[in-house]
Amino acid sequence: MEFRWNRWNEEHIGRHGVLPEEAKAAIENARPPFPLAREDDTVYVIHARPLTEKEKRRLRRRSK
């Protein structure tokens, strides 16, 4: 999966306190049906938000 970053999407997610590496990790660890399959594997992040405490706990459990 290739992530496409430019100034706009990096600044946009940054306003929500999210780093590109965090957005990438969230997408790579998403459960089906997300991310949706496409013909190519290029991802362009247009929105991000901080994880809730509940989401952080769930992600930590899955990564063990």
N, C-alpha and C. Protein backbone atom coordinates (compact mmCIF):
# COMPACT_ATOMS: atom_id res chain seq x y z
N MET A 1 0.84 -1.16 0.00
CA MET A 1 0.00 0.00 0.00
C MET A 1 0.90 1.24 0.00
N GLU A 2 0.68 2.11 -0.96
CA GLU A 2 1.48 3.33 -1.07
C GLU A 2 0.66 4.52 -0.57
N PHE A 3 1.26 5.30 0.30
CA PHE A 3 0.60 6.49 0.85
C PHE A 3 1.10 7.72 0.12
N ARG A 4 0.18 8.54 -0.33
CA ARG A 4 0.52 9.77 -1.02
C ARG A 4 0.34 10.94 -0.06
N TRP A 5 1.44 11.65 0.21
CA TRP A 5 1.41 12.78 1.11
C TRP A 5 1.83 14.03 0.37
N ASN A 6 1.20 15.14 0.73
CA ASN A 6 1.62 16.44 0.23
C ASN A 6 1.38 17.44 1.37
N ARG A 7 1.70 18.67 1.14
CA ARG A 7 1.59 19.68 2.19
C ARG A 7 0.14 19.77 2.70
N TRP A 8 -0.84 19.74 1.77
CA TRP A 8 -2.23 19.91 2.18
C TRP A 8 -2.68 18.81 3.14
N ASN A 9 -2.52 17.54 2.77
CA ASN A 9 -3.07 16.52 3.66
C ASN A 9 -2.25 16.36 4.94
N GLU A 10 -0.96 16.62 4.90
CA GLU A 10 -0.17 16.57 6.13
C GLU A 10 -0.60 17.69 7.10
N GLU A 11 -0.79 18.89 6.57
CA GLU A 11 -1.23 20.01 7.43
C GLU A 11 -2.65 19.79 7.93
N HIS A 12 -3.50 19.23 7.07
CA HIS A 12 -4.90 19.02 7.45
C HIS A 12 -5.02 18.04 8.62
N ILE A 13 -4.35 16.90 8.53
CA ILE A 13 -4.44 15.96 9.65
C ILE A 13 -3.68 16.49 10.86
N GLY A 14 -2.64 17.28 10.62
CA GLY A 14 -1.89 17.88 11.72
C GLY A 14 -2.74 18.81 12.58
N ARG A 15 -3.72 19.47 11.95
CA ARG A 15 -4.63 20.33 12.72
C ARG A 15 -5.47 19.52 13.70
N HIS A 16 -5.58 18.24 13.46
CA HIS A 16 -6.32 17.35 14.37
C HIS A 16 -5.36 16.64 15.33
N GLY A 17 -4.08 17.01 15.29
CA GLY A 17 -3.10 16.42 16.18
C GLY A 17 -2.66 15.03 15.77
N VAL A 18 -2.77 14.71 14.48
CA VAL A 18 -2.42 13.38 13.98
C VAL A 18 -1.21 13.49 13.05
N LEU A 19 -0.23 12.63 13.27
CA LEU A 19 0.95 12.57 12.42
C LEU A 19 0.70 11.62 11.25
N PRO A 20 1.40 11.82 10.12
CA PRO A 20 1.24 10.89 9.00
C PRO A 20 1.48 9.43 9.39
N GLU A 21 2.47 9.19 10.25
CA GLU A 21 2.77 7.82 10.67
C GLU A 21 1.59 7.21 11.44
N GLU A 22 0.90 8.04 12.22
CA GLU A 22 -0.26 7.55 12.97
C GLU A 22 -1.42 7.23 12.04
N ALA A 23 -1.65 8.09 11.06
CA ALA A 23 -2.73 7.83 10.09
C ALA A 23 -2.43 6.56 9.30
N LYS A 24 -1.18 6.41 8.91
CA LYS A 24 -0.77 5.22 8.17
C LYS A 24 -0.99 3.96 9.00
N ALA A 25 -0.59 3.99 10.26
CA ALA A 25 -0.77 2.82 11.14
C ALA A 25 -2.25 2.49 11.32
N ALA A 26 -3.09 3.52 11.45
CA ALA A 26 -4.52 3.27 11.62
C ALA A 26 -5.10 2.59 10.39
N ILE A 27 -4.69 3.00 9.21
CA ILE A 27 -5.20 2.40 7.98
C ILE A 27 -4.67 0.99 7.81
N GLU A 28 -3.40 0.79 8.07
CA GLU A 28 -2.80 -0.54 7.91
C GLU A 28 -3.37 -1.55 8.90
N ASN A 29 -3.88 -1.08 10.03
CA ASN A 29 -4.42 -1.98 11.05
C ASN A 29 -5.95 -1.99 11.10
N ALA A 30 -6.59 -1.35 10.12
CA ALA A 30 -8.05 -1.29 10.09
C ALA A 30 -8.63 -2.68 9.85
N ARG A 31 -9.79 -2.91 10.45
CA ARG A 31 -10.48 -4.18 10.25
C ARG A 31 -11.39 -4.09 9.03
N PRO A 32 -11.61 -5.23 8.38
CA PRO A 32 -12.52 -5.24 7.24
C PRO A 32 -13.87 -4.69 7.62
N PRO A 33 -14.56 -3.99 6.79
CA PRO A 33 -14.31 -3.85 5.35
C PRO A 33 -13.42 -2.67 4.99
N PHE A 34 -12.74 -2.07 5.96
CA PHE A 34 -11.88 -0.93 5.65
C PHE A 34 -10.43 -1.33 5.78
N PRO A 35 -9.52 -0.78 5.02
CA PRO A 35 -9.82 0.13 3.92
C PRO A 35 -10.45 -0.62 2.76
N LEU A 36 -11.28 0.08 2.02
CA LEU A 36 -11.94 -0.52 0.88
C LEU A 36 -10.93 -0.86 -0.21
N ALA A 37 -11.12 -2.00 -0.84
CA ALA A 37 -10.21 -2.41 -1.91
C ALA A 37 -10.42 -1.53 -3.14
N ARG A 38 -9.34 -1.17 -3.76
CA ARG A 38 -9.38 -0.38 -4.99
C ARG A 38 -8.49 -1.07 -6.02
N GLU A 39 -8.54 -0.58 -7.25
CA GLU A 39 -7.72 -1.18 -8.30
C GLU A 39 -6.23 -0.97 -8.05
N ASP A 40 -5.89 0.18 -7.50
CA ASP A 40 -4.48 0.37 -7.15
C ASP A 40 -4.39 0.50 -5.63
N ASP A 41 -3.20 0.41 -5.13
CA ASP A 41 -3.00 0.44 -3.68
C ASP A 41 -2.49 1.79 -3.21
N THR A 42 -2.93 2.88 -3.81
CA THR A 42 -2.52 4.21 -3.41
C THR A 42 -3.55 4.79 -2.44
N VAL A 43 -3.06 5.28 -1.30
CA VAL A 43 -3.92 5.85 -0.26
C VAL A 43 -3.61 7.33 -0.15
N TYR A 44 -4.66 8.15 -0.16
CA TYR A 44 -4.52 9.59 0.02
C TYR A 44 -5.40 9.96 1.20
N VAL A 45 -4.79 10.24 2.33
CA VAL A 45 -5.53 10.53 3.56
C VAL A 45 -6.11 11.94 3.47
N ILE A 46 -7.43 12.04 3.68
CA ILE A 46 -8.08 13.36 3.62
C ILE A 46 -8.64 13.80 4.96
N HIS A 47 -8.69 12.91 5.93
CA HIS A 47 -9.20 13.29 7.24
C HIS A 47 -8.61 12.35 8.29
N ALA A 48 -8.46 12.86 9.49
CA ALA A 48 -7.96 12.06 10.60
C ALA A 48 -8.46 12.69 11.89
N ARG A 49 -8.48 11.89 12.95
CA ARG A 49 -8.85 12.39 14.27
C ARG A 49 -8.10 11.57 15.29
N PRO A 50 -7.90 12.11 16.47
CA PRO A 50 -7.24 11.32 17.52
C PRO A 50 -8.13 10.14 17.91
N LEU A 51 -7.49 9.05 18.30
CA LEU A 51 -8.23 7.89 18.80
C LEU A 51 -8.81 8.19 20.17
N THR A 52 -9.96 7.62 20.46
CA THR A 52 -10.51 7.71 21.80
C THR A 52 -9.72 6.77 22.70
N GLU A 53 -9.85 6.90 24.00
CA GLU A 53 -9.15 5.99 24.92
C GLU A 53 -9.57 4.54 24.68
N LYS A 54 -10.86 4.32 24.41
CA LYS A 54 -11.36 2.97 24.13
C LYS A 54 -10.71 2.40 22.87
N GLU A 55 -10.58 3.21 21.82
CA GLU A 55 -9.95 2.77 20.58
C GLU A 55 -8.47 2.46 20.80
N LYS A 56 -7.79 3.27 21.62
CA LYS A 56 -6.38 3.03 21.93
C LYS A 56 -6.20 1.70 22.64
N ARG A 57 -7.06 1.41 23.61
CA ARG A 57 -6.97 0.12 24.33
C ARG A 57 -7.19 -1.05 23.37
N ARG A 58 -8.18 -0.93 22.50
CA ARG A 58 -8.48 -2.00 21.55
C ARG A 58 -7.29 -2.23 20.62
N LEU A 59 -6.66 -1.17 20.14
CA LEU A 59 -5.50 -1.28 19.26
C LEU A 59 -4.33 -1.92 19.98
N ARG A 60 -4.11 -1.55 21.23
CA ARG A 60 -3.01 -2.14 22.01
C ARG A 60 -3.22 -3.64 22.18
N ARG A 61 -4.47 -4.05 22.45
CA ARG A 61 -4.75 -5.49 22.62
C ARG A 61 -4.49 -6.25 21.32
N ARG A 62 -4.87 -5.66 20.20
CA ARG A 62 -4.68 -6.34 18.90
C ARG A 62 -3.23 -6.45 18.52
N SER A 63 -2.39 -5.50 18.94
CA SER A 63 -1.00 -5.49 18.52
C SER A 63 -0.10 -6.36 19.39
N LYS A 64 -0.66 -6.97 20.43
CA LYS A 64 0.15 -7.84 21.31
C LYS A 64 0.28 -9.23 20.74
